[in-house]
Amino acid sequence: MLSIPGYDDGYIVPVLDRGGAIKGDHLDVLFPTHEEALQWGVQYLDVTIWEYADGKPNDFKSIY
């Protein structure tokens, strides 16, 4: 579970795919259309990783 500033109104969203094509501190986010994905573009943001069991944010920090 993640929350990403500016994505999905700040809601906590599930991680749906942890495929092997993404390497390092990167992630892909899902948009309904290709045009919306292009508008979002590439961003460097701090994300919050949420622990599913307790509903509290993880202490892990990432820049990407």
N, C-alpha and C. Protein backbone atom coordinates (compact mmCIF):
# COMPACT_ATOMS: atom_id res chain seq x y z
N MET A 1 0.86 -1.16 0.00
CA MET A 1 0.00 0.00 0.00
C MET A 1 0.91 1.23 0.00
N LEU A 2 0.56 2.19 -0.85
CA LEU A 2 1.34 3.42 -0.98
C LEU A 2 0.42 4.64 -1.00
N SER A 3 0.93 5.76 -0.56
CA SER A 3 0.29 7.04 -0.88
C SER A 3 1.35 7.88 -1.58
N ILE A 4 0.92 8.51 -2.67
CA ILE A 4 1.82 9.26 -3.55
C ILE A 4 1.25 10.66 -3.68
N PRO A 5 2.02 11.69 -3.28
CA PRO A 5 1.51 13.05 -3.38
C PRO A 5 1.03 13.38 -4.80
N GLY A 6 -0.22 13.88 -4.90
CA GLY A 6 -0.76 14.28 -6.19
C GLY A 6 -1.39 13.17 -7.00
N TYR A 7 -1.29 11.95 -6.52
CA TYR A 7 -1.86 10.81 -7.26
C TYR A 7 -3.12 10.32 -6.56
N ASP A 8 -4.19 10.15 -7.28
CA ASP A 8 -5.46 9.63 -6.77
C ASP A 8 -5.92 10.38 -5.52
N ASP A 9 -5.82 11.70 -5.58
CA ASP A 9 -6.26 12.58 -4.48
C ASP A 9 -5.62 12.24 -3.14
N GLY A 10 -4.43 11.66 -3.16
CA GLY A 10 -3.72 11.34 -1.93
C GLY A 10 -4.19 10.10 -1.22
N TYR A 11 -5.13 9.36 -1.83
CA TYR A 11 -5.61 8.13 -1.21
C TYR A 11 -4.50 7.08 -1.14
N ILE A 12 -4.63 6.19 -0.19
CA ILE A 12 -3.71 5.05 -0.11
C ILE A 12 -4.15 4.05 -1.17
N VAL A 13 -3.21 3.63 -2.01
CA VAL A 13 -3.52 2.74 -3.12
C VAL A 13 -2.72 1.45 -3.00
N PRO A 14 -3.27 0.34 -3.49
CA PRO A 14 -2.55 -0.93 -3.41
C PRO A 14 -1.47 -1.03 -4.48
N VAL A 15 -0.46 -1.80 -4.19
CA VAL A 15 0.55 -2.17 -5.19
C VAL A 15 0.00 -3.38 -5.91
N LEU A 16 -0.21 -3.24 -7.22
CA LEU A 16 -0.83 -4.32 -8.00
C LEU A 16 0.17 -5.19 -8.74
N ASP A 17 1.35 -4.66 -9.00
CA ASP A 17 2.31 -5.41 -9.80
C ASP A 17 3.71 -5.02 -9.35
N ARG A 18 4.49 -6.00 -8.98
CA ARG A 18 5.88 -5.76 -8.60
C ARG A 18 6.80 -6.46 -9.58
N GLY A 19 6.47 -6.36 -10.86
CA GLY A 19 7.18 -7.06 -11.92
C GLY A 19 8.66 -6.75 -11.98
N GLY A 20 9.39 -7.62 -12.64
CA GLY A 20 10.84 -7.52 -12.72
C GLY A 20 11.38 -6.44 -13.62
N ALA A 21 10.52 -5.77 -14.42
CA ALA A 21 11.01 -4.75 -15.34
C ALA A 21 11.38 -3.46 -14.63
N ILE A 22 10.86 -3.22 -13.45
CA ILE A 22 11.15 -2.01 -12.70
C ILE A 22 12.33 -2.29 -11.79
N LYS A 23 13.39 -1.52 -11.94
CA LYS A 23 14.62 -1.72 -11.17
C LYS A 23 14.88 -0.50 -10.30
N GLY A 24 15.44 -0.72 -9.13
CA GLY A 24 15.85 0.38 -8.25
C GLY A 24 14.66 1.06 -7.60
N ASP A 25 14.85 2.33 -7.29
CA ASP A 25 13.84 3.12 -6.59
C ASP A 25 12.89 3.80 -7.57
N HIS A 26 12.20 3.00 -8.36
CA HIS A 26 11.24 3.50 -9.34
C HIS A 26 9.92 2.77 -9.17
N LEU A 27 8.86 3.41 -9.64
CA LEU A 27 7.58 2.72 -9.70
C LEU A 27 6.75 3.30 -10.83
N ASP A 28 5.84 2.49 -11.32
CA ASP A 28 4.87 2.91 -12.33
C ASP A 28 3.55 3.13 -11.63
N VAL A 29 2.81 4.13 -12.09
CA VAL A 29 1.46 4.36 -11.55
C VAL A 29 0.45 4.21 -12.68
N LEU A 30 -0.74 3.76 -12.33
CA LEU A 30 -1.77 3.46 -13.30
C LEU A 30 -2.68 4.66 -13.52
N PHE A 31 -2.96 4.95 -14.77
CA PHE A 31 -3.91 6.00 -15.15
C PHE A 31 -4.93 5.41 -16.11
N PRO A 32 -6.15 5.95 -16.13
CA PRO A 32 -7.19 5.42 -17.02
C PRO A 32 -6.86 5.56 -18.50
N THR A 33 -6.10 6.60 -18.86
CA THR A 33 -5.78 6.81 -20.28
C THR A 33 -4.29 7.09 -20.45
N HIS A 34 -3.82 6.85 -21.65
CA HIS A 34 -2.43 7.16 -21.99
C HIS A 34 -2.16 8.66 -21.88
N GLU A 35 -3.14 9.46 -22.27
CA GLU A 35 -2.98 10.92 -22.21
C GLU A 35 -2.78 11.40 -20.77
N GLU A 36 -3.53 10.82 -19.83
CA GLU A 36 -3.36 11.20 -18.42
C GLU A 36 -1.99 10.79 -17.90
N ALA A 37 -1.52 9.64 -18.33
CA ALA A 37 -0.18 9.19 -17.94
C ALA A 37 0.88 10.15 -18.48
N LEU A 38 0.73 10.59 -19.71
CA LEU A 38 1.68 11.55 -20.28
C LEU A 38 1.64 12.88 -19.54
N GLN A 39 0.45 13.33 -19.13
CA GLN A 39 0.33 14.57 -18.36
C GLN A 39 1.04 14.45 -17.01
N TRP A 40 0.96 13.30 -16.38
CA TRP A 40 1.64 13.07 -15.10
C TRP A 40 3.15 13.13 -15.31
N GLY A 41 3.62 12.47 -16.38
CA GLY A 41 5.03 12.49 -16.73
C GLY A 41 5.91 11.75 -15.74
N VAL A 42 7.19 12.10 -15.75
CA VAL A 42 8.16 11.55 -14.81
C VAL A 42 8.26 12.51 -13.64
N GLN A 43 8.15 11.99 -12.43
CA GLN A 43 8.24 12.82 -11.23
C GLN A 43 9.13 12.14 -10.20
N TYR A 44 9.78 12.95 -9.40
CA TYR A 44 10.59 12.47 -8.29
C TYR A 44 9.91 12.93 -7.01
N LEU A 45 9.30 11.99 -6.30
CA LEU A 45 8.47 12.31 -5.14
C LEU A 45 8.81 11.40 -3.97
N ASP A 46 8.55 11.89 -2.76
CA ASP A 46 8.59 11.04 -1.58
C ASP A 46 7.24 10.34 -1.50
N VAL A 47 7.26 9.04 -1.36
CA VAL A 47 6.02 8.27 -1.21
C VAL A 47 5.98 7.70 0.20
N THR A 48 4.79 7.39 0.67
CA THR A 48 4.63 6.75 1.97
C THR A 48 4.24 5.30 1.73
N ILE A 49 4.99 4.41 2.33
CA ILE A 49 4.69 2.98 2.25
C ILE A 49 3.92 2.62 3.51
N TRP A 50 2.74 2.04 3.33
CA TRP A 50 1.86 1.69 4.45
C TRP A 50 1.94 0.20 4.74
N GLU A 51 2.04 -0.14 5.99
CA GLU A 51 2.00 -1.53 6.42
C GLU A 51 0.55 -1.97 6.40
N TYR A 52 0.24 -3.01 5.69
CA TYR A 52 -1.14 -3.46 5.53
C TYR A 52 -1.75 -3.90 6.86
N ALA A 53 -0.99 -4.57 7.69
CA ALA A 53 -1.54 -5.16 8.90
C ALA A 53 -1.96 -4.13 9.94
N ASP A 54 -1.18 -3.06 10.12
CA ASP A 54 -1.48 -2.14 11.21
C ASP A 54 -1.99 -0.77 10.75
N GLY A 55 -1.98 -0.50 9.45
CA GLY A 55 -2.48 0.77 8.94
C GLY A 55 -1.61 1.96 9.26
N LYS A 56 -0.36 1.73 9.63
CA LYS A 56 0.56 2.81 9.95
C LYS A 56 1.63 2.90 8.87
N PRO A 57 2.14 4.11 8.62
CA PRO A 57 3.18 4.22 7.60
C PRO A 57 4.47 3.52 8.03
N ASN A 58 5.16 2.97 7.08
CA ASN A 58 6.46 2.36 7.29
C ASN A 58 7.49 3.46 7.45
N ASP A 59 8.56 3.23 8.18
CA ASP A 59 9.60 4.23 8.38
C ASP A 59 10.55 4.35 7.19
N PHE A 60 10.43 3.44 6.22
CA PHE A 60 11.28 3.45 5.04
C PHE A 60 11.03 4.72 4.24
N LYS A 61 12.09 5.41 3.86
CA LYS A 61 11.98 6.65 3.06
C LYS A 61 12.61 6.41 1.70
N SER A 62 11.98 6.94 0.68
CA SER A 62 12.51 6.84 -0.67
C SER A 62 12.28 8.16 -1.39
N ILE A 63 13.19 8.50 -2.28
CA ILE A 63 13.07 9.74 -3.04
C ILE A 63 12.27 9.52 -4.31
N TYR A 64 12.26 8.32 -4.84
CA TYR A 64 11.65 8.07 -6.13
C TYR A 64 10.31 7.42 -5.95
